[in-house]
PDB file of N, CA and C in Angstrom:
ATOM      1  N   UNK A   1     -62.103  24.504 -19.754  1.00  0.00           N
ATOM      2  CA  UNK A   1     -61.304  23.419 -20.123  1.00  0.00           C
ATOM      3  C   UNK A   1     -59.860  23.849 -19.857  1.00  0.00           C
ATOM      4  N   UNK A   2     -59.070  22.782 -19.426  1.00  0.00           N
ATOM      5  CA  UNK A   2     -57.632  23.065 -19.166  1.00  0.00           C
ATOM      6  C   UNK A   2     -56.742  22.388 -20.285  1.00  0.00           C
ATOM      7  N   UNK A   3     -55.597  22.886 -20.496  1.00  0.00           N
ATOM      8  CA  UNK A   3     -54.672  22.345 -21.459  1.00  0.00           C
ATOM      9  C   UNK A   3     -54.002  21.150 -20.942  1.00  0.00           C
ATOM     10  N   UNK A   4     -54.160  20.040 -21.668  1.00  0.00           N
ATOM     11  CA  UNK A   4     -53.640  18.749 -21.286  1.00  0.00           C
ATOM     12  C   UNK A   4     -52.113  18.590 -21.737  1.00  0.00           C
ATOM     13  N   UNK A   5     -51.921  18.973 -22.937  1.00  0.00           N
ATOM     14  CA  UNK A   5     -50.561  18.900 -23.457  1.00  0.00           C
ATOM     15  C   UNK A   5     -50.563  18.983 -25.006  1.00  0.00           C
ATOM     16  N   UNK A   6     -49.412  18.490 -25.553  1.00  0.00           N
ATOM     17  CA  UNK A   6     -49.318  18.440 -27.027  1.00  0.00           C
ATOM     18  C   UNK A   6     -49.253  17.088 -27.413  1.00  0.00           C
ATOM     19  N   UNK A   7     -49.868  16.689 -28.518  1.00  0.00           N
ATOM     20  CA  UNK A   7     -49.901  15.182 -29.127  1.00  0.00           C
ATOM     21  C   UNK A   7     -48.522  15.034 -29.637  1.00  0.00           C
ATOM     22  N   UNK A   8     -47.759  13.977 -29.140  1.00  0.00           N
ATOM     23  CA  UNK A   8     -46.474  13.650 -29.565  1.00  0.00           C
ATOM     24  C   UNK A   8     -46.509  12.618 -30.737  1.00  0.00           C
ATOM     25  N   UNK A   9     -47.379  11.613 -30.663  1.00  0.00           N
ATOM     26  CA  UNK A   9     -47.419  10.611 -31.694  1.00  0.00           C
ATOM     27  C   UNK A   9     -48.796   9.833 -31.694  1.00  0.00           C
ATOM     28  N   UNK A  10     -49.014   9.138 -32.640  1.00  0.00           N
ATOM     29  CA  UNK A  10     -50.106   8.122 -32.744  1.00  0.00           C
ATOM     30  C   UNK A  10     -49.570   6.812 -32.960  1.00  0.00           C
ATOM     31  N   UNK A  11     -49.927   5.705 -32.147  1.00  0.00           N
ATOM     32  CA  UNK A  11     -49.226   4.497 -32.236  1.00  0.00           C
ATOM     33  C   UNK A  11     -50.008   3.726 -33.443  1.00  0.00           C
ATOM     34  N   UNK A  12     -49.395   2.572 -33.635  1.00  0.00           N
ATOM     35  CA  UNK A  12     -49.909   1.677 -34.821  1.00  0.00           C
ATOM     36  C   UNK A  12     -51.205   1.155 -34.519  1.00  0.00           C
ATOM     37  N   UNK A  13     -51.521   1.032 -33.200  1.00  0.00           N
ATOM     38  CA  UNK A  13     -52.893   0.537 -32.855  1.00  0.00           C
ATOM     39  C   UNK A  13     -53.969   1.644 -32.655  1.00  0.00           C
ATOM     40  N   UNK A  14     -53.487   2.854 -33.050  1.00  0.00           N
ATOM     41  CA  UNK A  14     -54.467   4.080 -33.013  1.00  0.00           C
ATOM     42  C   UNK A  14     -54.670   4.810 -31.684  1.00  0.00           C
ATOM     43  N   UNK A  15     -53.688   4.506 -30.764  1.00  0.00           N
ATOM     44  CA  UNK A  15     -53.659   5.209 -29.473  1.00  0.00           C
ATOM     45  C   UNK A  15     -52.951   6.524 -29.585  1.00  0.00           C
ATOM     46  N   UNK A  16     -53.378   7.668 -29.073  1.00  0.00           N
ATOM     47  CA  UNK A  16     -52.749   9.061 -29.117  1.00  0.00           C
ATOM     48  C   UNK A  16     -51.899   9.182 -27.836  1.00  0.00           C
ATOM     49  N   UNK A  17     -50.677   9.548 -28.134  1.00  0.00           N
ATOM     50  CA  UNK A  17     -49.705   9.827 -26.927  1.00  0.00           C
ATOM     51  C   UNK A  17     -49.522  11.198 -26.822  1.00  0.00           C
ATOM     52  N   UNK A  18     -49.917  11.807 -25.621  1.00  0.00           N
ATOM     53  CA  UNK A  18     -49.747  13.126 -25.324  1.00  0.00           C
ATOM     54  C   UNK A  18     -48.621  13.345 -24.305  1.00  0.00           C
ATOM     55  N   UNK A  19     -47.708  14.402 -24.549  1.00  0.00           N
ATOM     56  CA  UNK A  19     -46.800  14.797 -23.505  1.00  0.00           C
ATOM     57  C   UNK A  19     -47.520  15.843 -22.618  1.00  0.00           C
ATOM     58  N   UNK A  20     -47.823  15.476 -21.397  1.00  0.00           N
ATOM     59  CA  UNK A  20     -48.774  16.283 -20.538  1.00  0.00           C
ATOM     60  C   UNK A  20     -48.130  17.503 -19.772  1.00  0.00           C
ATOM     61  N   UNK A  21     -48.869  18.530 -19.701  1.00  0.00           N
ATOM     62  CA  UNK A  21     -48.447  19.577 -18.900  1.00  0.00           C
ATOM     63  C   UNK A  21     -48.925  19.452 -17.392  1.00  0.00           C
ATOM     64  N   UNK A  22     -50.047  18.772 -17.244  1.00  0.00           N
ATOM     65  CA  UNK A  22     -50.646  18.350 -16.023  1.00  0.00           C
ATOM     66  C   UNK A  22     -50.968  16.840 -15.981  1.00  0.00           C
ATOM     67  N   UNK A  23     -51.262  16.318 -14.885  1.00  0.00           N
ATOM     68  CA  UNK A  23     -51.730  14.948 -14.736  1.00  0.00           C
ATOM     69  C   UNK A  23     -53.248  14.914 -14.509  1.00  0.00           C
ATOM     70  N   UNK A  24     -53.918  14.406 -15.481  1.00  0.00           N
ATOM     71  CA  UNK A  24     -55.354  14.239 -15.438  1.00  0.00           C
ATOM     72  C   UNK A  24     -55.806  13.108 -14.723  1.00  0.00           C
ATOM     73  N   UNK A  25     -57.084  12.831 -14.532  1.00  0.00           N
ATOM     74  CA  UNK A  25     -57.646  11.668 -13.782  1.00  0.00           C
ATOM     75  C   UNK A  25     -57.975  10.613 -15.136  1.00  0.00           C
ATOM     76  N   UNK A  26     -57.957   9.368 -14.800  1.00  0.00           N
ATOM     77  CA  UNK A  26     -58.279   8.288 -15.626  1.00  0.00           C
ATOM     78  C   UNK A  26     -59.862   8.534 -16.094  1.00  0.00           C
ATOM     79  N   UNK A  27     -60.046   8.411 -17.338  1.00  0.00           N
ATOM     80  CA  UNK A  27     -61.406   8.667 -17.895  1.00  0.00           C
ATOM     81  C   UNK A  27     -61.764  10.033 -18.216  1.00  0.00           C
ATOM     82  N   UNK A  28     -60.871  10.959 -17.926  1.00  0.00           N
ATOM     83  CA  UNK A  28     -61.310  12.469 -18.232  1.00  0.00           C
ATOM     84  C   UNK A  28     -61.469  12.463 -19.938  1.00  0.00           C
ATOM     85  N   UNK A  29     -62.407  13.310 -20.331  1.00  0.00           N
ATOM     86  CA  UNK A  29     -62.618  13.505 -21.635  1.00  0.00           C
ATOM     87  C   UNK A  29     -61.595  14.464 -22.287  1.00  0.00           C
ATOM     88  N   UNK A  30     -61.027  13.990 -23.516  1.00  0.00           N
ATOM     89  CA  UNK A  30     -59.996  14.926 -24.064  1.00  0.00           C
ATOM     90  C   UNK A  30     -60.662  15.552 -25.406  1.00  0.00           C
ATOM     91  N   UNK A  31     -60.359  16.889 -25.565  1.00  0.00           N
ATOM     92  CA  UNK A  31     -60.942  17.619 -26.671  1.00  0.00           C
ATOM     93  C   UNK A  31     -59.835  18.313 -27.494  1.00  0.00           C
ATOM     94  N   UNK A  32     -60.116  18.633 -28.778  1.00  0.00           N
ATOM     95  CA  UNK A  32     -59.290  19.366 -29.462  1.00  0.00           C
ATOM     96  C   UNK A  32     -59.472  20.871 -29.289  1.00  0.00           C
ATOM     97  N   UNK A  33     -58.807  21.748 -30.010  1.00  0.00           N
ATOM     98  CA  UNK A  33     -58.933  23.218 -29.999  1.00  0.00           C
ATOM     99  C   UNK A  33     -60.287  23.722 -30.457  1.00  0.00           C
ATOM    100  N   UNK A  34     -61.015  22.943 -31.224  1.00  0.00           N
ATOM    101  CA  UNK A  34     -62.436  23.282 -31.581  1.00  0.00           C
ATOM    102  C   UNK A  34     -63.499  22.789 -30.655  1.00  0.00           C
ATOM    103  N   UNK A  35     -63.050  22.242 -29.509  1.00  0.00           N
ATOM    104  CA  UNK A  35     -63.961  21.562 -28.515  1.00  0.00           C
ATOM    105  C   UNK A  35     -64.688  20.456 -29.163  1.00  0.00           C
ATOM    106  N   UNK A  36     -64.043  19.629 -29.972  1.00  0.00           N
ATOM    107  CA  UNK A  36     -64.639  18.480 -30.396  1.00  0.00           C
ATOM    108  C   UNK A  36     -64.006  17.325 -29.676  1.00  0.00           C
ATOM    109  N   UNK A  37     -64.684  16.421 -29.262  1.00  0.00           N
ATOM    110  CA  UNK A  37     -64.282  15.311 -28.367  1.00  0.00           C
ATOM    111  C   UNK A  37     -63.388  14.379 -29.327  1.00  0.00           C
ATOM    112  N   UNK A  38     -62.220  14.142 -28.686  1.00  0.00           N
ATOM    113  CA  UNK A  38     -61.220  13.211 -29.349  1.00  0.00           C
ATOM    114  C   UNK A  38     -61.249  11.817 -28.759  1.00  0.00           C
ATOM    115  N   UNK A  39     -61.270  11.787 -27.396  1.00  0.00           N
ATOM    116  CA  UNK A  39     -61.385  10.536 -26.717  1.00  0.00           C
ATOM    117  C   UNK A  39     -61.273  10.581 -25.182  1.00  0.00           C
ATOM    118  N   UNK A  40     -60.713   9.663 -24.552  1.00  0.00           N
ATOM    119  CA  UNK A  40     -60.635   9.683 -23.045  1.00  0.00           C
ATOM    120  C   UNK A  40     -59.356   9.086 -22.626  1.00  0.00           C
ATOM    121  N   UNK A  41     -58.898   9.615 -21.466  1.00  0.00           N
ATOM    122  CA  UNK A  41     -57.613   9.207 -20.885  1.00  0.00           C
ATOM    123  C   UNK A  41     -57.598   7.783 -20.429  1.00  0.00           C
ATOM    124  N   UNK A  42     -56.587   7.018 -20.907  1.00  0.00           N
ATOM    125  CA  UNK A  42     -56.614   5.583 -20.559  1.00  0.00           C
ATOM    126  C   UNK A  42     -55.577   5.177 -19.615  1.00  0.00           C
ATOM    127  N   UNK A  43     -54.330   5.893 -19.937  1.00  0.00           N
ATOM    128  CA  UNK A  43     -53.168   5.466 -19.128  1.00  0.00           C
ATOM    129  C   UNK A  43     -52.225   6.666 -18.958  1.00  0.00           C
ATOM    130  N   UNK A  44     -51.668   6.731 -17.716  1.00  0.00           N
ATOM    131  CA  UNK A  44     -50.708   7.856 -17.478  1.00  0.00           C
ATOM    132  C   UNK A  44     -49.328   7.126 -17.087  1.00  0.00           C
ATOM    133  N   UNK A  45     -48.227   7.486 -17.731  1.00  0.00           N
ATOM    134  CA  UNK A  45     -46.868   6.836 -17.381  1.00  0.00           C
ATOM    135  C   UNK A  45     -45.784   7.947 -17.755  1.00  0.00           C
ATOM    136  N   UNK A  46     -44.621   7.495 -17.125  1.00  0.00           N
ATOM    137  CA  UNK A  46     -43.525   8.373 -17.394  1.00  0.00           C
ATOM    138  C   UNK A  46     -43.136   9.261 -16.134  1.00  0.00           C
ATOM    139  N   UNK A  47     -42.412  10.294 -16.382  1.00  0.00           N
ATOM    140  CA  UNK A  47     -41.965  10.992 -15.146  1.00  0.00           C
ATOM    141  C   UNK A  47     -43.071  11.923 -14.786  1.00  0.00           C
ATOM    142  N   UNK A  48     -43.096  12.372 -13.378  1.00  0.00           N
ATOM    143  CA  UNK A  48     -44.072  13.069 -12.685  1.00  0.00           C
ATOM    144  C   UNK A  48     -44.144  14.556 -13.260  1.00  0.00           C
ATOM    145  N   UNK A  49     -43.054  15.151 -13.531  1.00  0.00           N
ATOM    146  CA  UNK A  49     -43.078  16.605 -14.094  1.00  0.00           C
ATOM    147  C   UNK A  49     -43.479  16.743 -15.520  1.00  0.00           C
ATOM    148  N   UNK A  50     -43.408  15.668 -16.299  1.00  0.00           N
ATOM    149  CA  UNK A  50     -43.827  15.702 -17.731  1.00  0.00           C
ATOM    150  C   UNK A  50     -44.417  14.368 -18.198  1.00  0.00           C
ATOM    151  N   UNK A  51     -45.616  14.037 -17.582  1.00  0.00           N
ATOM    152  CA  UNK A  51     -46.219  12.702 -17.856  1.00  0.00           C
ATOM    153  C   UNK A  51     -46.513  12.558 -19.271  1.00  0.00           C
ATOM    154  N   UNK A  52     -46.539  11.240 -19.740  1.00  0.00           N
ATOM    155  CA  UNK A  52     -47.100  10.856 -20.997  1.00  0.00           C
ATOM    156  C   UNK A  52     -48.429  10.310 -20.846  1.00  0.00           C
ATOM    157  N   UNK A  53     -49.398  10.618 -21.639  1.00  0.00           N
ATOM    158  CA  UNK A  53     -50.785  10.224 -21.371  1.00  0.00           C
ATOM    159  C   UNK A  53     -51.311   9.584 -22.673  1.00  0.00           C
ATOM    160  N   UNK A  54     -51.866   8.420 -22.485  1.00  0.00           N
ATOM    161  CA  UNK A  54     -52.323   7.715 -23.723  1.00  0.00           C
ATOM    162  C   UNK A  54     -53.853   7.891 -23.619  1.00  0.00           C
ATOM    163  N   UNK A  55     -54.329   8.410 -24.927  1.00  0.00           N
ATOM    164  CA  UNK A  55     -55.709   8.601 -25.128  1.00  0.00           C
ATOM    165  C   UNK A  55     -56.355   7.636 -26.126  1.00  0.00           C
ATOM    166  N   UNK A  56     -57.430   6.938 -25.612  1.00  0.00           N
ATOM    167  CA  UNK A  56     -58.149   6.111 -26.566  1.00  0.00           C
ATOM    168  C   UNK A  56     -59.088   6.955 -27.414  1.00  0.00           C
ATOM    169  N   UNK A  57     -58.978   7.031 -28.748  1.00  0.00           N
ATOM    170  CA  UNK A  57     -59.846   7.900 -29.432  1.00  0.00           C
ATOM    171  C   UNK A  57     -61.263   7.305 -29.674  1.00  0.00           C
ATOM    172  N   UNK A  58     -62.153   8.287 -29.619  1.00  0.00           N
ATOM    173  CA  UNK A  58     -63.634   7.860 -29.740  1.00  0.00           C
ATOM    174  C   UNK A  58     -63.961   7.550 -31.273  1.00  0.00           C
ATOM    175  N   UNK A  59     -63.050   8.076 -32.183  1.00  0.00           N
ATOM    176  CA  UNK A  59     -63.325   7.822 -33.651  1.00  0.00           C
ATOM    177  C   UNK A  59     -62.070   7.970 -34.268  1.00  0.00           C
ATOM    178  N   UNK A  60     -61.777   6.964 -35.235  1.00  0.00           N
ATOM    179  CA  UNK A  60     -60.571   6.909 -35.908  1.00  0.00           C
ATOM    180  C   UNK A  60     -60.237   8.105 -36.836  1.00  0.00           C
ATOM    181  N   UNK A  61     -61.287   8.801 -37.168  1.00  0.00           N
ATOM    182  CA  UNK A  61     -61.056  10.023 -38.097  1.00  0.00           C
ATOM    183  C   UNK A  61     -60.362  11.120 -37.360  1.00  0.00           C
ATOM    184  N   UNK A  62     -60.352  11.174 -36.055  1.00  0.00           N
ATOM    185  CA  UNK A  62     -59.649  12.195 -35.311  1.00  0.00           C
ATOM    186  C   UNK A  62     -58.046  12.142 -35.369  1.00  0.00           C
ATOM    187  N   UNK A  63     -57.610  10.868 -35.885  1.00  0.00           N
ATOM    188  CA  UNK A  63     -56.224  10.545 -35.900  1.00  0.00           C
ATOM    189  C   UNK A  63     -55.461  11.335 -36.953  1.00  0.00           C
ATOM    190  N   UNK A  64     -56.119  11.820 -37.997  1.00  0.00           N
ATOM    191  CA  UNK A  64     -55.526  12.453 -39.178  1.00  0.00           C
ATOM    192  C   UNK A  64     -54.999  13.828 -38.679  1.00  0.00           C
ATOM    193  N   UNK A  65     -53.819  14.151 -39.030  1.00  0.00           N
ATOM    194  CA  UNK A  65     -53.185  15.485 -38.713  1.00  0.00           C
ATOM    195  C   UNK A  65     -53.352  15.987 -37.309  1.00  0.00           C
ATOM    196  N   UNK A  66     -53.215  15.075 -36.249  1.00  0.00           N
ATOM    197  CA  UNK A  66     -53.385  15.440 -34.920  1.00  0.00           C
ATOM    198  C   UNK A  66     -52.063  15.664 -34.257  1.00  0.00           C
ATOM    199  N   UNK A  67     -50.994  15.164 -34.803  1.00  0.00           N
ATOM    200  CA  UNK A  67     -49.650  15.213 -34.295  1.00  0.00           C
ATOM    201  C   UNK A  67     -49.200  16.534 -34.164  1.00  0.00           C
ATOM    202  N   UNK A  68     -48.703  17.051 -33.022  1.00  0.00           N
ATOM    203  CA  UNK A  68     -48.131  18.391 -32.817  1.00  0.00           C
ATOM    204  C   UNK A  68     -49.158  19.375 -32.349  1.00  0.00           C
ATOM    205  N   UNK A  69     -50.519  18.987 -32.203  1.00  0.00           N
ATOM    206  CA  UNK A  69     -51.492  19.913 -31.841  1.00  0.00           C
ATOM    207  C   UNK A  69     -51.790  19.928 -30.317  1.00  0.00           C
ATOM    208  N   UNK A  70     -52.304  20.933 -29.829  1.00  0.00           N
ATOM    209  CA  UNK A  70     -52.698  20.992 -28.406  1.00  0.00           C
ATOM    210  C   UNK A  70     -53.885  20.359 -28.093  1.00  0.00           C
ATOM    211  N   UNK A  71     -54.077  19.686 -27.087  1.00  0.00           N
ATOM    212  CA  UNK A  71     -55.378  19.061 -26.780  1.00  0.00           C
ATOM    213  C   UNK A  71     -55.728  19.512 -25.200  1.00  0.00           C
ATOM    214  N   UNK A  72     -56.872  19.425 -24.995  1.00  0.00           N
ATOM    215  CA  UNK A  72     -57.544  20.061 -23.740  1.00  0.00           C
ATOM    216  C   UNK A  72     -58.376  18.849 -23.058  1.00  0.00           C
ATOM    217  N   UNK A  73     -58.577  19.063 -21.749  1.00  0.00           N
ATOM    218  CA  UNK A  73     -59.495  18.095 -21.071  1.00  0.00           C
ATOM    219  C   UNK A  73     -60.390  18.899 -20.073  1.00  0.00           C
ATOM    220  N   UNK A  74     -61.430  18.273 -19.638  1.00  0.00           N
ATOM    221  CA  UNK A  74     -62.391  18.839 -18.784  1.00  0.00           C
ATOM    222  C   UNK A  74     -62.461  18.085 -17.508  1.00  0.00           C
ATOM    223  N   UNK A  75     -62.185  18.736 -16.465  1.00  0.00           N
ATOM    224  CA  UNK A  75     -62.129  18.113 -15.150  1.00  0.00           C
ATOM    225  C   UNK A  75     -63.791  17.795 -14.786  1.00  0.00           C
ATOM    226  N   UNK A  76     -63.976  16.575 -14.338  1.00  0.00           N
ATOM    227  CA  UNK A  76     -65.363  16.359 -13.925  1.00  0.00           C
ATOM    228  C   UNK A  76     -65.452  15.107 -12.977  1.00  0.00           C
ATOM    229  N   UNK A  77     -66.655  14.980 -12.499  1.00  0.00           N
ATOM    230  CA  UNK A  77     -66.789  13.830 -11.601  1.00  0.00           C
ATOM    231  C   UNK A  77     -66.965  12.546 -12.262  1.00  0.00           C
ATOM    232  N   UNK A  78     -66.343  11.537 -11.654  1.00  0.00           N
ATOM    233  CA  UNK A  78     -66.366  10.160 -12.297  1.00  0.00           C
ATOM    234  C   UNK A  78     -67.610   9.406 -11.608  1.00  0.00           C
ATOM    235  N   UNK A  79     -68.312   8.766 -12.535  1.00  0.00           N
ATOM    236  CA  UNK A  79     -69.394   7.969 -11.950  1.00  0.00           C
ATOM    237  C   UNK A  79     -69.164   6.439 -12.464  1.00  0.00           C
ATOM    238  N   UNK A  80     -69.689   5.495 -11.682  1.00  0.00           N
ATOM    239  CA  UNK A  80     -69.607   4.210 -12.091  1.00  0.00           C
ATOM    240  C   UNK A  80     -68.666   3.417 -11.225  1.00  0.00           C
ATOM    241  N   UNK A  81     -68.275   2.296 -11.720  1.00  0.00           N
ATOM    242  CA  UNK A  81     -67.368   1.344 -10.810  1.00  0.00           C
ATOM    243  C   UNK A  81     -65.932   1.891 -10.655  1.00  0.00           C
ATOM    244  N   UNK A  82     -65.495   2.753 -11.499  1.00  0.00           N
ATOM    245  CA  UNK A  82     -63.983   3.347 -11.336  1.00  0.00           C
ATOM    246  C   UNK A  82     -63.940   4.498 -10.541  1.00  0.00           C
ATOM    247  N   UNK A  83     -65.074   4.882  -9.959  1.00  0.00           N
ATOM    248  CA  UNK A  83     -65.209   6.185  -9.205  1.00  0.00           C
ATOM    249  C   UNK A  83     -64.293   6.102  -7.942  1.00  0.00           C
ATOM    250  N   UNK A  84     -63.558   6.952  -7.621  1.00  0.00           N
ATOM    251  CA  UNK A  84     -62.751   7.025  -6.455  1.00  0.00           C
ATOM    252  C   UNK A  84     -63.539   7.474  -5.122  1.00  0.00           C
ATOM    253  N   UNK A  85     -63.227   6.813  -4.157  1.00  0.00           N
ATOM    254  CA  UNK A  85     -64.054   7.049  -2.927  1.00  0.00           C
ATOM    255  C   UNK A  85     -63.174   7.565  -1.783  1.00  0.00           C
ATOM    256  N   UNK A  86     -63.661   8.435  -1.083  1.00  0.00           N
ATOM    257  CA  UNK A  86     -62.879   8.932   0.117  1.00  0.00           C
ATOM    258  C   UNK A  86     -63.296   8.093   1.284  1.00  0.00           C
ATOM    259  N   UNK A  87     -62.444   7.709   2.167  1.00  0.00           N
ATOM    260  CA  UNK A  87     -62.912   6.911   3.285  1.00  0.00           C
ATOM    261  C   UNK A  87     -61.950   6.152   3.877  1.00  0.00           C
TER     262      UNK A  87
END
């Protein structure tokens, strides 16, 4: 697993905002330091050298005390209709 960044804030809608160290792919799974699944990458925005990443949580219980913590992601192949194709 690679470091995604540090959680900056949680919005009123329950979306986790991360200041990223790297730019992940849409749909990558995001984990905490205990390798527990937090959610998945939904949107990437902001500057290229320090992007903001919105993470849709898989469970609302993960939102407690997550601000300021490092989160991680695992690179993997995407399957389904959002899969990128070379060609």
